[in-house]
């Protein structure tokens, strides 16, 4: 299974940096997510996670360091969180960490809402 490495960029749209490592099980998304082709971008990540989770009960650590995401991105992130919850419920060791700036109460509330919507525990950590 190949790793996913996407270098983030900020142009007219914002593409997050992605590093999903099949050997360590550490998956990280960082930066800002405001994409023109949101569905296509996140579908690659979801497909990768589906493949990873179908290969037994390997540990998965999901680190999210997004400082901004739009509504379309939040729908995709919610789908990822639900996938991780299902994997966790199947007996796998899953840890979800969301890093945010201590002063960013709006982001903290958004993440708390995502956790409630996905019915999954997200550890909130500050930068």
N, C-alpha and C. Protein backbone atom coordinates (compact mmCIF):
# COMPACT_ATOMS: atom_id res chain seq x y z
N UNK A 1 0.85 -1.18 0.00
CA UNK A 1 0.00 0.00 0.00
C UNK A 1 0.89 1.24 0.00
N UNK A 2 0.60 2.16 -0.87
CA UNK A 2 1.38 3.39 -1.01
C UNK A 2 0.98 4.43 0.04
N UNK A 3 1.92 5.24 0.45
CA UNK A 3 1.62 6.40 1.30
C UNK A 3 1.01 7.49 0.44
N UNK A 4 0.30 8.40 1.10
CA UNK A 4 -0.20 9.59 0.41
C UNK A 4 0.57 10.78 0.95
N UNK A 5 1.17 11.55 0.05
CA UNK A 5 1.86 12.78 0.42
C UNK A 5 1.43 13.87 -0.55
N UNK A 6 0.77 14.88 -0.01
CA UNK A 6 0.31 16.01 -0.82
C UNK A 6 0.86 17.27 -0.18
N UNK A 7 1.57 18.04 -0.97
CA UNK A 7 2.11 19.31 -0.47
C UNK A 7 1.01 20.36 -0.57
N UNK A 8 0.71 20.98 0.54
CA UNK A 8 -0.32 22.01 0.58
C UNK A 8 0.10 23.25 -0.20
N UNK A 9 -0.89 23.99 -0.65
CA UNK A 9 -0.60 25.24 -1.34
C UNK A 9 -1.72 26.24 -1.13
N UNK A 10 -1.35 27.49 -1.21
CA UNK A 10 -2.30 28.59 -1.08
C UNK A 10 -2.22 29.43 -2.34
N UNK A 11 -3.22 29.30 -3.15
CA UNK A 11 -3.34 30.14 -4.34
C UNK A 11 -4.73 30.74 -4.29
N UNK A 12 -5.48 30.61 -5.35
CA UNK A 12 -6.88 31.07 -5.30
C UNK A 12 -7.66 30.21 -4.31
N UNK A 13 -7.28 28.92 -4.24
CA UNK A 13 -7.88 27.99 -3.29
C UNK A 13 -6.78 27.49 -2.36
N UNK A 14 -7.18 26.92 -1.23
CA UNK A 14 -6.23 26.42 -0.25
C UNK A 14 -6.30 24.90 -0.19
N UNK A 15 -5.18 24.25 -0.45
CA UNK A 15 -5.08 22.80 -0.42
C UNK A 15 -4.28 22.41 0.82
N UNK A 16 -4.82 21.53 1.67
CA UNK A 16 -4.07 21.15 2.86
C UNK A 16 -2.93 20.21 2.54
N UNK A 17 -1.95 20.19 3.43
CA UNK A 17 -0.87 19.22 3.36
C UNK A 17 -1.38 17.91 3.93
N UNK A 18 -1.07 16.82 3.24
CA UNK A 18 -1.54 15.50 3.68
C UNK A 18 -0.35 14.54 3.71
N UNK A 19 -0.24 13.82 4.81
CA UNK A 19 0.74 12.73 4.93
C UNK A 19 0.05 11.55 5.60
N UNK A 20 -0.28 10.53 4.81
CA UNK A 20 -0.87 9.30 5.32
C UNK A 20 0.19 8.21 5.15
N UNK A 21 0.65 7.63 6.25
CA UNK A 21 1.73 6.67 6.22
C UNK A 21 1.20 5.26 6.51
N UNK A 22 1.28 4.38 5.53
CA UNK A 22 0.76 3.02 5.65
C UNK A 22 1.57 2.17 6.61
N UNK A 23 2.84 2.47 6.79
CA UNK A 23 3.69 1.67 7.68
C UNK A 23 3.46 2.01 9.15
N UNK A 24 3.35 3.30 9.46
CA UNK A 24 3.20 3.72 10.86
C UNK A 24 1.74 3.86 11.28
N UNK A 25 0.84 4.03 10.31
CA UNK A 25 -0.57 4.25 10.63
C UNK A 25 -0.85 5.67 11.08
N UNK A 26 0.10 6.57 10.89
CA UNK A 26 -0.09 7.97 11.26
C UNK A 26 -0.58 8.73 10.02
N UNK A 27 -1.71 9.37 10.17
CA UNK A 27 -2.32 10.13 9.08
C UNK A 27 -2.49 11.57 9.54
N UNK A 28 -1.99 12.50 8.75
CA UNK A 28 -2.04 13.90 9.15
C UNK A 28 -2.54 14.78 8.02
N UNK A 29 -3.42 15.70 8.38
CA UNK A 29 -3.89 16.75 7.48
C UNK A 29 -3.61 18.07 8.18
N UNK A 30 -3.01 19.02 7.46
CA UNK A 30 -2.64 20.30 8.08
C UNK A 30 -2.84 21.44 7.10
N UNK A 31 -3.05 22.62 7.64
CA UNK A 31 -3.18 23.82 6.81
C UNK A 31 -4.61 24.29 6.73
N UNK A 32 -5.00 24.70 5.53
CA UNK A 32 -6.34 25.20 5.28
C UNK A 32 -6.97 24.39 4.16
N UNK A 33 -8.28 24.19 4.26
CA UNK A 33 -8.99 23.39 3.28
C UNK A 33 -10.15 24.19 2.69
N UNK A 34 -9.86 24.76 1.53
CA UNK A 34 -10.84 25.53 0.77
C UNK A 34 -10.55 25.22 -0.69
N UNK A 35 -11.19 24.15 -1.19
CA UNK A 35 -10.83 23.58 -2.48
C UNK A 35 -11.92 23.78 -3.52
N UNK A 36 -11.50 23.80 -4.77
CA UNK A 36 -12.47 23.84 -5.86
C UNK A 36 -13.08 22.46 -6.07
N UNK A 37 -12.26 21.43 -6.00
CA UNK A 37 -12.70 20.04 -6.21
C UNK A 37 -12.63 19.27 -4.89
N UNK A 38 -13.40 19.71 -3.92
CA UNK A 38 -13.34 19.15 -2.58
C UNK A 38 -13.63 17.65 -2.57
N UNK A 39 -14.70 17.24 -3.23
CA UNK A 39 -15.09 15.84 -3.22
C UNK A 39 -13.97 14.96 -3.76
N UNK A 40 -13.40 15.33 -4.89
CA UNK A 40 -12.36 14.53 -5.51
C UNK A 40 -11.11 14.44 -4.62
N UNK A 41 -10.75 15.56 -4.01
CA UNK A 41 -9.58 15.59 -3.13
C UNK A 41 -9.77 14.64 -1.95
N UNK A 42 -10.87 14.79 -1.25
CA UNK A 42 -11.09 13.98 -0.05
C UNK A 42 -11.44 12.54 -0.37
N UNK A 43 -12.01 12.28 -1.54
CA UNK A 43 -12.33 10.90 -1.89
C UNK A 43 -11.07 10.05 -1.96
N UNK A 44 -9.96 10.63 -2.42
CA UNK A 44 -8.69 9.90 -2.45
C UNK A 44 -8.27 9.49 -1.03
N UNK A 45 -8.48 10.39 -0.08
CA UNK A 45 -8.12 10.11 1.31
C UNK A 45 -9.04 9.04 1.90
N UNK A 46 -10.32 9.16 1.60
CA UNK A 46 -11.30 8.18 2.09
C UNK A 46 -11.02 6.81 1.51
N UNK A 47 -10.71 6.75 0.21
CA UNK A 47 -10.38 5.47 -0.42
C UNK A 47 -9.14 4.85 0.23
N UNK A 48 -8.13 5.67 0.50
CA UNK A 48 -6.92 5.19 1.15
C UNK A 48 -7.26 4.62 2.53
N UNK A 49 -8.05 5.37 3.31
CA UNK A 49 -8.42 4.90 4.65
C UNK A 49 -9.24 3.61 4.58
N UNK A 50 -10.13 3.50 3.61
CA UNK A 50 -10.89 2.25 3.44
C UNK A 50 -9.97 1.09 3.15
N UNK A 51 -8.97 1.30 2.32
CA UNK A 51 -8.01 0.24 2.01
C UNK A 51 -7.20 -0.12 3.25
N UNK A 52 -6.71 0.90 3.96
CA UNK A 52 -5.91 0.66 5.17
C UNK A 52 -6.71 -0.12 6.20
N UNK A 53 -7.96 0.29 6.43
CA UNK A 53 -8.78 -0.33 7.47
C UNK A 53 -9.26 -1.73 7.08
N UNK A 54 -9.16 -2.08 5.82
CA UNK A 54 -9.57 -3.42 5.38
C UNK A 54 -8.44 -4.45 5.54
N UNK A 55 -7.27 -4.01 5.97
CA UNK A 55 -6.11 -4.88 6.07
C UNK A 55 -5.83 -5.34 7.49
N UNK A 56 -6.86 -5.57 8.26
CA UNK A 56 -6.67 -6.02 9.64
C UNK A 56 -6.86 -4.89 10.61
N UNK A 57 -6.59 -5.17 11.85
CA UNK A 57 -6.81 -4.19 12.93
C UNK A 57 -5.53 -3.48 13.32
N UNK A 58 -4.94 -2.78 12.36
CA UNK A 58 -3.72 -2.04 12.62
C UNK A 58 -4.05 -0.70 13.31
N UNK A 59 -3.14 -0.23 14.13
CA UNK A 59 -3.32 1.06 14.81
C UNK A 59 -3.38 2.18 13.79
N UNK A 60 -4.24 3.17 14.07
CA UNK A 60 -4.34 4.34 13.21
C UNK A 60 -4.40 5.58 14.10
N UNK A 61 -3.52 6.51 13.84
CA UNK A 61 -3.52 7.80 14.54
C UNK A 61 -3.83 8.88 13.52
N UNK A 62 -4.90 9.60 13.75
CA UNK A 62 -5.34 10.65 12.83
C UNK A 62 -5.08 11.99 13.50
N UNK A 63 -4.12 12.76 12.96
CA UNK A 63 -3.79 14.08 13.47
C UNK A 63 -4.30 15.13 12.49
N UNK A 64 -5.20 15.95 12.96
CA UNK A 64 -5.73 17.01 12.12
C UNK A 64 -5.23 18.35 12.65
N UNK A 65 -4.60 19.11 11.76
CA UNK A 65 -4.06 20.41 12.12
C UNK A 65 -4.61 21.48 11.18
N UNK A 66 -5.88 21.33 10.82
CA UNK A 66 -6.49 22.32 9.94
C UNK A 66 -6.81 23.57 10.73
N UNK A 67 -6.43 24.70 10.20
CA UNK A 67 -6.73 25.97 10.86
C UNK A 67 -7.96 26.63 10.25
N UNK A 68 -8.39 26.12 9.10
CA UNK A 68 -9.61 26.58 8.45
C UNK A 68 -10.11 25.50 7.51
N UNK A 69 -11.43 25.32 7.48
CA UNK A 69 -12.04 24.45 6.47
C UNK A 69 -13.43 25.00 6.15
N UNK A 70 -13.81 24.88 4.88
CA UNK A 70 -15.12 25.38 4.46
C UNK A 70 -16.17 24.29 4.64
N UNK A 71 -17.41 24.60 4.31
CA UNK A 71 -18.52 23.68 4.51
C UNK A 71 -18.34 22.38 3.73
N UNK A 72 -17.93 22.48 2.49
CA UNK A 72 -17.73 21.27 1.68
C UNK A 72 -16.65 20.38 2.31
N UNK A 73 -15.59 20.99 2.81
CA UNK A 73 -14.53 20.22 3.47
C UNK A 73 -15.05 19.57 4.75
N UNK A 74 -15.90 20.29 5.49
CA UNK A 74 -16.40 19.74 6.75
C UNK A 74 -17.23 18.48 6.51
N UNK A 75 -17.95 18.43 5.40
CA UNK A 75 -18.73 17.23 5.08
C UNK A 75 -17.80 16.04 4.83
N UNK A 76 -16.72 16.28 4.13
CA UNK A 76 -15.75 15.21 3.86
C UNK A 76 -15.04 14.78 5.15
N UNK A 77 -14.70 15.75 5.99
CA UNK A 77 -14.04 15.44 7.26
C UNK A 77 -14.98 14.61 8.14
N UNK A 78 -16.26 14.96 8.13
CA UNK A 78 -17.24 14.19 8.89
C UNK A 78 -17.29 12.75 8.40
N UNK A 79 -17.22 12.56 7.10
CA UNK A 79 -17.21 11.21 6.54
C UNK A 79 -15.97 10.44 7.00
N UNK A 80 -14.83 11.12 7.04
CA UNK A 80 -13.60 10.49 7.53
C UNK A 80 -13.75 10.10 9.00
N UNK A 81 -14.30 10.99 9.80
CA UNK A 81 -14.48 10.71 11.23
C UNK A 81 -15.42 9.52 11.44
N UNK A 82 -16.46 9.43 10.66
CA UNK A 82 -17.38 8.29 10.77
C UNK A 82 -16.69 6.99 10.37
N UNK A 83 -15.86 7.05 9.35
CA UNK A 83 -15.09 5.88 8.93
C UNK A 83 -14.16 5.43 10.07
N UNK A 84 -13.50 6.40 10.70
CA UNK A 84 -12.60 6.08 11.82
C UNK A 84 -13.36 5.51 13.00
N UNK A 85 -14.54 6.02 13.26
CA UNK A 85 -15.38 5.49 14.34
C UNK A 85 -15.74 4.03 14.07
N UNK A 86 -16.15 3.73 12.84
CA UNK A 86 -16.50 2.36 12.48
C UNK A 86 -15.30 1.43 12.64
N UNK A 87 -14.14 1.91 12.25
CA UNK A 87 -12.91 1.12 12.38
C UNK A 87 -12.62 0.86 13.86
N UNK A 88 -12.80 1.88 14.66
CA UNK A 88 -12.58 1.76 16.10
C UNK A 88 -13.57 0.74 16.70
N UNK A 89 -14.82 0.82 16.29
CA UNK A 89 -15.83 -0.09 16.81
C UNK A 89 -15.59 -1.53 16.38
N UNK A 90 -14.83 -1.72 15.32
CA UNK A 90 -14.52 -3.09 14.87
C UNK A 90 -13.40 -3.71 15.71
N UNK A 91 -12.85 -2.93 16.63
CA UNK A 91 -11.82 -3.45 17.53
C UNK A 91 -10.43 -2.87 17.30
N UNK A 92 -10.29 -1.99 16.34
CA UNK A 92 -8.98 -1.40 16.05
C UNK A 92 -8.66 -0.28 17.04
N UNK A 93 -7.38 -0.04 17.22
CA UNK A 93 -6.89 1.04 18.07
C UNK A 93 -6.82 2.31 17.22
N UNK A 94 -7.71 3.25 17.49
CA UNK A 94 -7.78 4.50 16.72
C UNK A 94 -7.69 5.66 17.69
N UNK A 95 -6.85 6.61 17.35
CA UNK A 95 -6.71 7.84 18.15
C UNK A 95 -6.89 9.02 17.20
N UNK A 96 -7.78 9.94 17.59
CA UNK A 96 -8.04 11.12 16.77
C UNK A 96 -7.63 12.35 17.57
N UNK A 97 -6.67 13.09 17.03
CA UNK A 97 -6.18 14.32 17.66
C UNK A 97 -6.48 15.49 16.74
N UNK A 98 -6.99 16.57 17.30
CA UNK A 98 -7.21 17.78 16.52
C UNK A 98 -6.45 18.91 17.22
N UNK A 99 -5.51 19.48 16.51
CA UNK A 99 -4.70 20.57 17.04
C UNK A 99 -5.30 21.89 16.57
N UNK A 100 -5.42 22.83 17.50
CA UNK A 100 -5.97 24.14 17.16
C UNK A 100 -5.24 25.20 17.98
N UNK A 101 -5.34 26.44 17.50
CA UNK A 101 -4.73 27.55 18.24
C UNK A 101 -5.56 27.82 19.50
N UNK A 102 -4.88 28.01 20.60
CA UNK A 102 -5.55 28.18 21.89
C UNK A 102 -6.60 29.30 21.87
N UNK A 103 -6.35 30.32 21.08
CA UNK A 103 -7.26 31.47 21.02
C UNK A 103 -8.44 31.25 20.07
N UNK A 104 -8.44 30.15 19.33
CA UNK A 104 -9.45 29.92 18.29
C UNK A 104 -10.64 29.14 18.83
N UNK A 105 -11.51 29.83 19.59
CA UNK A 105 -12.69 29.20 20.17
C UNK A 105 -13.66 28.70 19.10
N UNK A 106 -13.73 29.39 17.96
CA UNK A 106 -14.62 28.95 16.88
C UNK A 106 -14.21 27.58 16.36
N UNK A 107 -12.90 27.38 16.16
CA UNK A 107 -12.43 26.08 15.67
C UNK A 107 -12.71 25.01 16.71
N UNK A 108 -12.47 25.31 17.97
CA UNK A 108 -12.72 24.34 19.03
C UNK A 108 -14.19 23.90 19.01
N UNK A 109 -15.10 24.86 18.88
CA UNK A 109 -16.53 24.52 18.84
C UNK A 109 -16.89 23.71 17.59
N UNK A 110 -16.28 24.05 16.45
CA UNK A 110 -16.52 23.30 15.20
C UNK A 110 -16.10 21.85 15.37
N UNK A 111 -14.94 21.64 15.96
CA UNK A 111 -14.42 20.29 16.14
C UNK A 111 -15.29 19.51 17.13
N UNK A 112 -15.70 20.18 18.20
CA UNK A 112 -16.59 19.52 19.16
C UNK A 112 -17.88 19.09 18.47
N UNK A 113 -18.43 19.95 17.61
CA UNK A 113 -19.64 19.61 16.87
C UNK A 113 -19.41 18.42 15.92
N UNK A 114 -18.26 18.42 15.24
CA UNK A 114 -17.94 17.29 14.37
C UNK A 114 -17.87 15.99 15.16
N UNK A 115 -17.26 16.05 16.33
CA UNK A 115 -17.17 14.86 17.18
C UNK A 115 -18.55 14.36 17.59
N UNK A 116 -19.44 15.29 17.93
CA UNK A 116 -20.81 14.90 18.29
C UNK A 116 -21.54 14.31 17.09
N UNK A 117 -21.40 14.95 15.93
CA UNK A 117 -22.07 14.47 14.72
C UNK A 117 -21.59 13.09 14.32
N UNK A 118 -20.30 12.82 14.49
CA UNK A 118 -19.73 11.51 14.12
C UNK A 118 -19.81 10.52 15.28
N UNK A 119 -20.18 11.01 16.46
CA UNK A 119 -20.25 10.19 17.66
C UNK A 119 -18.91 9.51 17.94
N UNK A 120 -17.85 10.33 17.89
CA UNK A 120 -16.50 9.82 18.10
C UNK A 120 -15.74 10.79 19.01
N UNK A 121 -14.82 10.23 19.79
CA UNK A 121 -14.01 11.06 20.68
C UNK A 121 -12.85 11.68 19.91
N UNK A 122 -12.75 12.98 19.99
CA UNK A 122 -11.64 13.73 19.37
C UNK A 122 -10.89 14.43 20.50
N UNK A 123 -9.60 14.16 20.59
CA UNK A 123 -8.79 14.84 21.59
C UNK A 123 -8.39 16.20 21.04
N UNK A 124 -8.78 17.26 21.72
CA UNK A 124 -8.45 18.62 21.33
C UNK A 124 -7.15 19.03 22.00
N UNK A 125 -6.18 19.41 21.19
CA UNK A 125 -4.86 19.80 21.66
C UNK A 125 -4.52 21.16 21.09
N UNK A 126 -3.84 21.98 21.85
CA UNK A 126 -3.47 23.30 21.35
C UNK A 126 -2.05 23.30 20.79
N UNK A 127 -1.84 24.17 19.80
CA UNK A 127 -0.51 24.37 19.22
C UNK A 127 0.34 25.09 20.24
